[in-house]
Amino acid sequence: MKIKTVNNYYTDENTYIVYDENTKNGLVIDPGYKCDGILKAAQDDGVNIKYVLITHCHYDIFQIWNSFVKKQALNLFPAIRRA
């Protein structure tokens, strides 16, 4: 398993790409402001992003979700539940 950190300079937050080095299948954790930068970082390592994991409720994370859906078929796993 490999973890790649992508910094979102506009919001100064990190996004993580986690993937299997053998299959190159991976997931994105908390995508931030710029979808293209995250997809390029994955592409640079030959990663096929299959899933997106959202761990918290910030506007930038939910705002970018549409961009991911338009560019790549993904599965969304929000780690959010109602109390």
N, C-alpha and C. Protein backbone atom coordinates (compact mmCIF):
# COMPACT_ATOMS: atom_id res chain seq x y z
N MET A 1 0.85 -1.17 0.00
CA MET A 1 0.00 0.00 0.00
C MET A 1 0.89 1.23 0.00
N LYS A 2 0.45 2.23 -0.73
CA LYS A 2 1.18 3.50 -0.78
C LYS A 2 0.20 4.64 -0.50
N ILE A 3 0.69 5.66 0.19
CA ILE A 3 -0.11 6.84 0.49
C ILE A 3 0.59 8.05 -0.10
N LYS A 4 -0.14 8.79 -0.92
CA LYS A 4 0.39 10.00 -1.55
C LYS A 4 -0.41 11.20 -1.03
N THR A 5 0.29 12.23 -0.61
CA THR A 5 -0.35 13.44 -0.09
C THR A 5 -0.38 14.50 -1.18
N VAL A 6 -1.55 15.09 -1.37
CA VAL A 6 -1.72 16.19 -2.33
C VAL A 6 -2.19 17.40 -1.54
N ASN A 7 -1.42 18.48 -1.57
CA ASN A 7 -1.80 19.69 -0.85
C ASN A 7 -2.69 20.55 -1.71
N ASN A 8 -3.79 21.01 -1.12
CA ASN A 8 -4.70 21.94 -1.79
C ASN A 8 -4.33 23.35 -1.33
N TYR A 9 -3.59 24.03 -2.16
CA TYR A 9 -3.00 25.31 -1.75
C TYR A 9 -4.03 26.39 -1.46
N TYR A 10 -5.19 26.34 -2.12
CA TYR A 10 -6.20 27.37 -1.89
C TYR A 10 -6.77 27.30 -0.49
N THR A 11 -6.95 26.08 0.02
CA THR A 11 -7.52 25.93 1.35
C THR A 11 -6.49 25.47 2.38
N ASP A 12 -5.25 25.23 1.94
CA ASP A 12 -4.16 24.74 2.79
C ASP A 12 -4.56 23.48 3.55
N GLU A 13 -5.20 22.56 2.83
CA GLU A 13 -5.59 21.28 3.40
C GLU A 13 -5.01 20.16 2.54
N ASN A 14 -4.89 19.00 3.13
CA ASN A 14 -4.33 17.86 2.42
C ASN A 14 -5.40 16.88 1.98
N THR A 15 -5.17 16.28 0.83
CA THR A 15 -5.95 15.17 0.31
C THR A 15 -5.01 13.99 0.22
N TYR A 16 -5.54 12.79 0.45
CA TYR A 16 -4.69 11.61 0.41
C TYR A 16 -5.17 10.64 -0.66
N ILE A 17 -4.22 10.12 -1.42
CA ILE A 17 -4.49 9.07 -2.39
C ILE A 17 -3.84 7.81 -1.83
N VAL A 18 -4.65 6.80 -1.56
CA VAL A 18 -4.16 5.55 -1.00
C VAL A 18 -4.39 4.47 -2.06
N TYR A 19 -3.32 3.71 -2.38
CA TYR A 19 -3.50 2.71 -3.43
C TYR A 19 -2.62 1.49 -3.23
N ASP A 20 -3.04 0.41 -3.86
CA ASP A 20 -2.28 -0.83 -3.89
C ASP A 20 -1.23 -0.72 -4.98
N GLU A 21 0.02 -0.93 -4.63
CA GLU A 21 1.10 -0.78 -5.60
C GLU A 21 1.08 -1.85 -6.69
N ASN A 22 0.46 -2.99 -6.43
CA ASN A 22 0.39 -4.06 -7.42
C ASN A 22 -0.75 -3.84 -8.42
N THR A 23 -1.96 -3.58 -7.90
CA THR A 23 -3.12 -3.44 -8.79
C THR A 23 -3.29 -2.01 -9.29
N LYS A 24 -2.71 -1.05 -8.58
CA LYS A 24 -2.85 0.38 -8.87
C LYS A 24 -4.27 0.89 -8.65
N ASN A 25 -5.13 0.11 -7.98
CA ASN A 25 -6.46 0.58 -7.61
C ASN A 25 -6.34 1.35 -6.30
N GLY A 26 -7.09 2.48 -6.22
CA GLY A 26 -6.96 3.29 -5.03
C GLY A 26 -8.20 4.08 -4.68
N LEU A 27 -8.04 4.88 -3.65
CA LEU A 27 -9.12 5.75 -3.20
C LEU A 27 -8.55 7.11 -2.84
N VAL A 28 -9.43 8.08 -2.82
CA VAL A 28 -9.08 9.44 -2.42
C VAL A 28 -9.77 9.72 -1.10
N ILE A 29 -9.03 10.27 -0.16
CA ILE A 29 -9.59 10.65 1.13
C ILE A 29 -9.66 12.17 1.20
N ASP A 30 -10.85 12.68 1.43
CA ASP A 30 -11.12 14.11 1.58
C ASP A 30 -10.60 14.97 0.43
N PRO A 31 -11.17 14.80 -0.76
CA PRO A 31 -10.74 15.64 -1.88
C PRO A 31 -11.05 17.10 -1.59
N GLY A 32 -10.11 17.95 -1.91
CA GLY A 32 -10.28 19.38 -1.62
C GLY A 32 -10.68 20.19 -2.83
N TYR A 33 -10.18 21.38 -2.92
CA TYR A 33 -10.65 22.40 -3.84
C TYR A 33 -10.47 22.09 -5.31
N LYS A 34 -9.37 21.48 -5.72
CA LYS A 34 -9.07 21.29 -7.15
C LYS A 34 -9.08 19.82 -7.54
N CYS A 35 -10.08 19.41 -8.29
CA CYS A 35 -10.19 18.03 -8.76
C CYS A 35 -9.07 17.67 -9.72
N ASP A 36 -8.74 18.54 -10.66
CA ASP A 36 -7.74 18.23 -11.67
C ASP A 36 -6.37 17.91 -11.06
N GLY A 37 -5.98 18.63 -10.04
CA GLY A 37 -4.70 18.38 -9.39
C GLY A 37 -4.65 17.01 -8.72
N ILE A 38 -5.76 16.61 -8.14
CA ILE A 38 -5.83 15.30 -7.48
C ILE A 38 -5.79 14.20 -8.53
N LEU A 39 -6.57 14.36 -9.60
CA LEU A 39 -6.58 13.35 -10.66
C LEU A 39 -5.22 13.25 -11.34
N LYS A 40 -4.53 14.38 -11.52
CA LYS A 40 -3.20 14.37 -12.13
C LYS A 40 -2.20 13.65 -11.24
N ALA A 41 -2.27 13.90 -9.94
CA ALA A 41 -1.37 13.23 -9.00
C ALA A 41 -1.58 11.71 -9.05
N ALA A 42 -2.82 11.28 -9.15
CA ALA A 42 -3.11 9.85 -9.27
C ALA A 42 -2.60 9.31 -10.60
N GLN A 43 -2.84 10.05 -11.65
CA GLN A 43 -2.42 9.63 -12.99
C GLN A 43 -0.89 9.52 -13.07
N ASP A 44 -0.18 10.43 -12.43
CA ASP A 44 1.29 10.40 -12.44
C ASP A 44 1.84 9.08 -11.90
N ASP A 45 1.11 8.47 -10.96
CA ASP A 45 1.53 7.18 -10.39
C ASP A 45 0.79 6.01 -11.03
N GLY A 46 -0.04 6.28 -12.03
CA GLY A 46 -0.79 5.23 -12.71
C GLY A 46 -1.92 4.65 -11.88
N VAL A 47 -2.47 5.45 -10.97
CA VAL A 47 -3.50 4.98 -10.05
C VAL A 47 -4.88 5.12 -10.67
N ASN A 48 -5.68 4.07 -10.54
CA ASN A 48 -7.07 4.07 -10.97
C ASN A 48 -7.93 4.31 -9.73
N ILE A 49 -8.46 5.52 -9.59
CA ILE A 49 -9.25 5.87 -8.42
C ILE A 49 -10.62 5.22 -8.53
N LYS A 50 -10.95 4.39 -7.54
CA LYS A 50 -12.22 3.67 -7.52
C LYS A 50 -13.21 4.25 -6.51
N TYR A 51 -12.69 4.86 -5.45
CA TYR A 51 -13.54 5.31 -4.35
C TYR A 51 -13.10 6.68 -3.85
N VAL A 52 -14.06 7.35 -3.21
CA VAL A 52 -13.78 8.59 -2.49
C VAL A 52 -14.33 8.43 -1.08
N LEU A 53 -13.50 8.69 -0.10
CA LEU A 53 -13.90 8.63 1.30
C LEU A 53 -13.93 10.05 1.85
N ILE A 54 -15.07 10.43 2.39
CA ILE A 54 -15.23 11.77 2.97
C ILE A 54 -15.35 11.60 4.48
N THR A 55 -14.43 12.23 5.21
CA THR A 55 -14.39 12.04 6.66
C THR A 55 -15.05 13.16 7.45
N HIS A 56 -15.32 14.28 6.80
CA HIS A 56 -15.93 15.40 7.52
C HIS A 56 -16.68 16.29 6.53
N CYS A 57 -17.41 17.24 7.06
CA CYS A 57 -18.36 18.03 6.28
C CYS A 57 -17.88 19.45 6.00
N HIS A 58 -16.89 19.62 5.17
CA HIS A 58 -16.47 20.96 4.77
C HIS A 58 -16.97 21.26 3.37
N TYR A 59 -17.26 22.52 3.09
CA TYR A 59 -17.82 22.91 1.79
C TYR A 59 -16.94 22.50 0.62
N ASP A 60 -15.61 22.60 0.77
CA ASP A 60 -14.72 22.31 -0.36
C ASP A 60 -14.78 20.85 -0.77
N ILE A 61 -14.98 19.97 0.18
CA ILE A 61 -15.04 18.54 -0.13
C ILE A 61 -16.31 18.21 -0.89
N PHE A 62 -17.44 18.71 -0.45
CA PHE A 62 -18.69 18.42 -1.14
C PHE A 62 -18.80 19.18 -2.45
N GLN A 63 -18.18 20.33 -2.54
CA GLN A 63 -18.19 21.13 -3.76
C GLN A 63 -17.46 20.40 -4.89
N ILE A 64 -16.43 19.68 -4.59
CA ILE A 64 -15.62 19.02 -5.62
C ILE A 64 -16.23 17.70 -6.09
N TRP A 65 -17.16 17.14 -5.34
CA TRP A 65 -17.71 15.82 -5.68
C TRP A 65 -18.25 15.77 -7.10
N ASN A 66 -18.99 16.78 -7.54
CA ASN A 66 -19.52 16.81 -8.91
C ASN A 66 -18.41 16.72 -9.94
N SER A 67 -17.30 17.37 -9.70
CA SER A 67 -16.17 17.33 -10.63
C SER A 67 -15.64 15.91 -10.78
N PHE A 68 -15.54 15.19 -9.68
CA PHE A 68 -15.07 13.80 -9.75
C PHE A 68 -16.05 12.93 -10.53
N VAL A 69 -17.33 13.09 -10.27
CA VAL A 69 -18.35 12.28 -10.94
C VAL A 69 -18.33 12.53 -12.44
N LYS A 70 -18.15 13.77 -12.85
CA LYS A 70 -18.12 14.10 -14.28
C LYS A 70 -16.89 13.54 -14.97
N LYS A 71 -15.78 13.43 -14.27
CA LYS A 71 -14.52 13.01 -14.89
C LYS A 71 -14.25 11.51 -14.74
N GLN A 72 -14.85 10.88 -13.76
CA GLN A 72 -14.53 9.48 -13.50
C GLN A 72 -15.66 8.84 -12.69
N ALA A 73 -16.03 7.61 -13.04
CA ALA A 73 -17.06 6.90 -12.28
C ALA A 73 -16.46 6.45 -10.94
N LEU A 74 -17.07 6.87 -9.86
CA LEU A 74 -16.53 6.59 -8.53
C LEU A 74 -17.62 6.14 -7.58
N ASN A 75 -17.21 5.54 -6.49
CA ASN A 75 -18.10 5.20 -5.39
C ASN A 75 -17.78 6.14 -4.23
N LEU A 76 -18.82 6.69 -3.63
CA LEU A 76 -18.66 7.64 -2.53
C LEU A 76 -18.97 6.96 -1.21
N PHE A 77 -18.08 7.16 -0.24
CA PHE A 77 -18.28 6.63 1.10
C PHE A 77 -18.17 7.77 2.10
N PRO A 78 -19.30 8.41 2.44
CA PRO A 78 -19.23 9.45 3.46
C PRO A 78 -19.15 8.82 4.85
N ALA A 79 -18.19 9.24 5.62
CA ALA A 79 -18.03 8.74 6.99
C ALA A 79 -18.76 9.66 7.94
N ILE A 80 -20.00 9.94 7.60
CA ILE A 80 -20.81 10.88 8.36
C ILE A 80 -22.12 10.19 8.71
N ARG A 81 -22.55 10.34 9.93
CA ARG A 81 -23.84 9.78 10.31
C ARG A 81 -24.56 10.75 11.22
N ARG A 82 -25.82 10.61 11.28
CA ARG A 82 -26.62 11.46 12.16
C ARG A 82 -26.54 10.94 13.58
N ALA A 83 -26.43 11.85 14.51
CA ALA A 83 -26.39 11.45 15.92
C ALA A 83 -27.79 11.27 16.45
